[in-house]
């Protein structure tokens, strides 16, 4: 099914005093040992990076070289795939899946998802950029104006600009610049999961939106 939240809705069991757009400030560890915490926004401009070619007719692209060995859960990878729906994966399985909880054992697994949401229209762009010098290299994938049309009657598409940064150390940074919903919105997931989809961390409860400049 396709999960959506009506405009102004607040999840049951969530205090009305806690804004629906507030991500959890920290969490974990998961079974593997990953934890997360919030840090100040340090946006990396990837607008001049390599265009993946993601569009309304191209939902997934890869493999793309990371540029250094990246350790993720029990494995180390040198390349990845990217989906229009707001996630990176370390395999090409089911890149066109538009919505999922995290973690979730059905394919795709082995994903890093800054903002996994139904997105069938073309984004402005999805570009990647590499930087740094060993042993401090990094790789960033940026989704600029990812579009998600939730419901008939909404005046415009929701639009989201965000990025995932992979560091040679194995650290992962998820950054959010402009995250705008209009009326009702489709449920999204943000977080990481392992190659089985059984272990992982979600930085927001399923359906909770991420605020801008996080």
Protein backbone atom coordinates (compact mmCIF):
# COMPACT_ATOMS: atom_id res chain seq x y z
CA UNK A 1 0.00 0.00 0.00
CA UNK A 2 0.90 3.67 -0.31
CA UNK A 3 0.98 5.39 3.06
CA UNK A 4 0.06 9.07 3.36
CA UNK A 5 -0.65 11.56 6.15
CA UNK A 6 -3.37 14.22 5.86
CA UNK A 7 -2.39 17.83 6.37
CA UNK A 8 -2.08 18.81 10.01
CA UNK A 9 -2.13 15.23 11.26
CA UNK A 10 -0.15 14.25 14.34
CA UNK A 11 0.78 10.63 14.93
CA UNK A 12 -1.09 8.95 17.76
CA UNK A 13 0.96 8.54 20.95
CA UNK A 14 3.02 11.61 20.05
CA UNK A 15 2.76 14.62 22.31
CA UNK A 16 1.20 17.64 20.66
CA UNK A 17 3.97 19.69 22.29
CA UNK A 18 6.60 17.90 20.21
CA UNK A 19 6.72 19.29 16.65
CA UNK A 20 6.08 16.69 13.98
CA UNK A 21 9.08 18.06 12.06
CA UNK A 22 11.61 17.41 14.85
CA UNK A 23 13.93 14.49 14.12
CA UNK A 24 15.17 12.46 17.05
CA UNK A 25 18.33 14.16 18.41
CA UNK A 26 20.22 10.88 18.92
CA UNK A 27 19.68 7.15 18.89
CA UNK A 28 21.10 3.66 18.82
CA UNK A 29 23.03 1.57 19.03
CA UNK A 30 21.59 -0.95 16.61
CA UNK A 31 22.72 -4.58 16.80
CA UNK A 32 25.86 -3.81 14.81
CA UNK A 33 26.77 -0.82 16.95
CA UNK A 34 25.80 2.19 14.83
CA UNK A 35 24.60 5.27 16.73
CA UNK A 36 23.51 8.69 15.51
CA UNK A 37 23.53 12.23 16.83
CA UNK A 38 22.65 15.67 15.49
CA UNK A 39 25.40 18.04 14.34
CA UNK A 40 25.32 21.58 12.89
CA UNK A 41 24.37 21.81 9.22
CA UNK A 42 27.47 22.00 6.99
CA UNK A 43 26.00 21.87 3.49
CA UNK A 44 28.26 20.66 0.66
CA UNK A 45 27.34 22.27 -2.66
CA UNK A 46 27.24 19.43 -5.18
CA UNK A 47 25.52 21.44 -7.92
CA UNK A 48 28.73 21.32 -9.98
CA UNK A 49 29.17 17.58 -9.50
CA UNK A 50 28.45 14.70 -11.87
CA UNK A 51 24.83 14.39 -12.98
CA UNK A 52 23.49 10.87 -12.44
CA UNK A 53 20.82 11.24 -15.11
CA UNK A 54 17.99 10.49 -12.67
CA UNK A 55 14.71 11.79 -14.13
CA UNK A 56 11.00 11.00 -14.24
CA UNK A 57 11.82 8.10 -16.58
CA UNK A 58 15.08 6.99 -14.89
CA UNK A 59 14.52 5.84 -11.34
CA UNK A 60 17.85 4.24 -10.53
CA UNK A 61 21.47 4.56 -11.65
CA UNK A 62 24.70 2.67 -10.95
CA UNK A 63 27.19 1.41 -10.24
CA UNK A 64 28.93 4.64 -9.23
CA UNK A 65 32.48 4.54 -7.84
CA UNK A 66 32.67 5.91 -4.30
CA UNK A 67 36.36 6.72 -4.68
CA UNK A 68 37.58 4.86 -1.58
CA UNK A 69 36.77 1.64 0.33
CA UNK A 70 33.67 2.31 2.42
CA UNK A 71 32.92 0.00 5.35
CA UNK A 72 29.20 -0.50 5.92
CA UNK A 73 27.96 -3.03 8.46
CA UNK A 74 29.77 -6.34 7.80
CA UNK A 75 30.98 -5.43 4.31
CA UNK A 76 33.29 -2.98 2.51
CA UNK A 77 32.18 -1.44 -0.79
CA UNK A 78 33.79 0.53 -3.60
CA UNK A 79 30.63 1.42 -5.53
CA UNK A 80 26.95 2.15 -5.00
CA UNK A 81 23.61 2.75 -6.74
CA UNK A 82 21.25 5.71 -6.34
CA UNK A 83 17.45 5.86 -6.53
CA UNK A 84 15.20 8.77 -7.43
CA UNK A 85 13.14 7.78 -4.38
CA UNK A 86 15.77 9.15 -2.00
CA UNK A 87 18.13 6.32 -1.08
CA UNK A 88 21.55 4.87 -1.86
CA UNK A 89 22.10 1.12 -2.09
CA UNK A 90 25.09 -1.18 -2.37
CA UNK A 91 23.35 -3.39 -4.95
CA UNK A 92 20.88 -2.88 -7.79
CA UNK A 93 17.97 -4.82 -6.29
CA UNK A 94 14.61 -3.04 -6.57
CA UNK A 95 15.84 0.55 -6.92
CA UNK A 96 12.32 1.47 -8.10
CA UNK A 97 10.66 0.68 -4.77
CA UNK A 98 9.03 3.97 -3.84
CA UNK A 99 8.38 3.55 -0.12
CA UNK A 100 9.59 1.46 2.82
CA UNK A 101 10.08 1.44 6.54
CA UNK A 102 13.62 1.23 7.95
CA UNK A 103 14.74 -1.40 8.74
CA UNK A 104 12.60 -3.68 6.58
CA UNK A 105 13.69 -7.13 5.27
CA UNK A 106 12.01 -6.92 1.85
CA UNK A 107 14.16 -5.68 -1.04
CA UNK A 108 15.98 -3.39 -1.44
CA UNK A 109 18.30 -3.89 1.52
CA UNK A 110 21.77 -2.56 2.30
CA UNK A 111 20.57 1.03 1.92
CA UNK A 112 21.35 4.51 3.20
CA UNK A 113 18.17 6.55 2.95
CA UNK A 114 18.23 10.27 3.67
CA UNK A 115 14.62 10.69 2.44
CA UNK A 116 12.88 7.61 1.02
CA UNK A 117 9.54 8.73 -0.36
CA UNK A 118 7.31 8.21 -3.44
CA UNK A 119 8.79 10.53 -6.07
CA UNK A 120 7.62 9.99 -9.64
CA UNK A 121 8.30 13.43 -11.13
CA UNK A 122 11.76 14.51 -12.23
CA UNK A 123 13.91 16.21 -9.59
CA UNK A 124 15.87 19.30 -10.53
CA UNK A 125 18.93 17.03 -10.41
CA UNK A 126 20.64 14.23 -8.52
CA UNK A 127 24.42 14.84 -8.55
CA UNK A 128 27.45 13.48 -6.75
CA UNK A 129 30.82 14.91 -5.82
CA UNK A 130 34.04 13.55 -4.30
CA UNK A 131 36.56 15.41 -2.18
CA UNK A 132 39.24 15.24 0.47
CA UNK A 133 42.53 13.33 0.56
CA UNK A 134 43.28 9.92 2.05
CA UNK A 135 42.52 8.98 4.76
CA UNK A 136 39.86 11.71 4.95
CA UNK A 137 38.11 11.36 1.60
CA UNK A 138 34.35 11.86 1.22
CA UNK A 139 31.56 11.25 -1.29
CA UNK A 140 28.31 13.25 -1.40
CA UNK A 141 25.07 12.51 -3.27
CA UNK A 142 22.64 15.43 -3.49
CA UNK A 143 18.97 15.31 -4.45
CA UNK A 144 17.90 18.83 -5.49
CA UNK A 145 14.15 19.48 -5.36
CA UNK A 146 13.04 15.88 -5.16
CA UNK A 147 9.32 16.08 -5.98
CA UNK A 148 6.54 14.06 -4.39
CA UNK A 149 2.90 14.53 -5.34
CA UNK A 150 0.81 13.14 -2.53
CA UNK A 151 -2.86 13.74 -3.03
CA UNK A 152 -5.36 15.14 -5.46
CA UNK A 153 -6.40 18.60 -4.38
CA UNK A 154 -2.99 19.65 -3.05
CA UNK A 155 -2.00 22.93 -4.73
CA UNK A 156 1.57 21.82 -5.59
CA UNK A 157 4.09 19.03 -5.27
CA UNK A 158 6.11 18.64 -2.11
CA UNK A 159 9.80 19.46 -2.77
CA UNK A 160 12.86 18.31 -0.85
CA UNK A 161 16.59 19.12 -1.14
CA UNK A 162 18.91 16.89 0.86
CA UNK A 163 22.15 14.92 0.66
CA UNK A 164 24.01 11.91 2.01
CA UNK A 165 27.75 12.18 2.72
CA UNK A 166 29.91 9.05 3.07
CA UNK A 167 33.28 9.44 4.78
CA UNK A 168 36.34 7.23 4.39
CA UNK A 169 36.19 6.68 8.18
CA UNK A 170 32.83 4.91 7.74
CA UNK A 171 30.83 7.82 9.17
CA UNK A 172 27.63 8.87 7.39
CA UNK A 173 26.10 12.36 7.37
CA UNK A 174 22.50 13.03 6.29
CA UNK A 175 21.78 16.72 5.62
CA UNK A 176 18.53 18.51 4.84
CA UNK A 177 18.32 21.99 3.35
CA UNK A 178 14.83 22.82 2.04
CA UNK A 179 12.09 20.31 2.99
CA UNK A 180 8.69 21.64 1.98
CA UNK A 181 5.33 19.87 2.16
CA UNK A 182 2.12 21.31 0.74
CA UNK A 183 -1.05 20.01 2.34
CA UNK A 184 -1.07 16.25 2.78
CA UNK A 185 2.16 14.32 2.30
CA UNK A 186 3.39 10.81 1.54
CA UNK A 187 5.06 8.90 4.34
CA UNK A 188 8.87 8.86 4.25
CA UNK A 189 11.67 6.98 5.99
CA UNK A 190 15.17 8.18 6.84
CA UNK A 191 17.98 5.98 8.14
CA UNK A 192 20.25 3.01 7.46
CA UNK A 193 19.86 -0.75 7.27
CA UNK A 194 22.12 -3.77 6.73
CA UNK A 195 22.25 -6.30 3.88
CA UNK A 196 19.42 -8.40 5.37
CA UNK A 197 17.14 -5.50 6.28
CA UNK A 198 16.93 -6.88 9.81
CA UNK A 199 19.27 -4.41 11.52
CA UNK A 200 19.32 -0.64 11.17
CA UNK A 201 18.49 2.76 12.59
CA UNK A 202 15.76 5.22 11.68
CA UNK A 203 16.34 8.90 12.49
CA UNK A 204 12.61 9.66 12.22
CA UNK A 205 9.56 7.51 12.93
CA UNK A 206 7.91 6.35 9.70
CA UNK A 207 5.73 9.17 8.28
CA UNK A 208 7.36 11.90 10.39
CA UNK A 209 8.77 14.62 8.13
CA UNK A 210 12.24 16.11 8.48
CA UNK A 211 12.44 19.87 8.95
CA UNK A 212 14.59 22.16 6.79
CA UNK A 213 18.18 23.04 7.69
CA UNK A 214 18.88 19.93 9.76
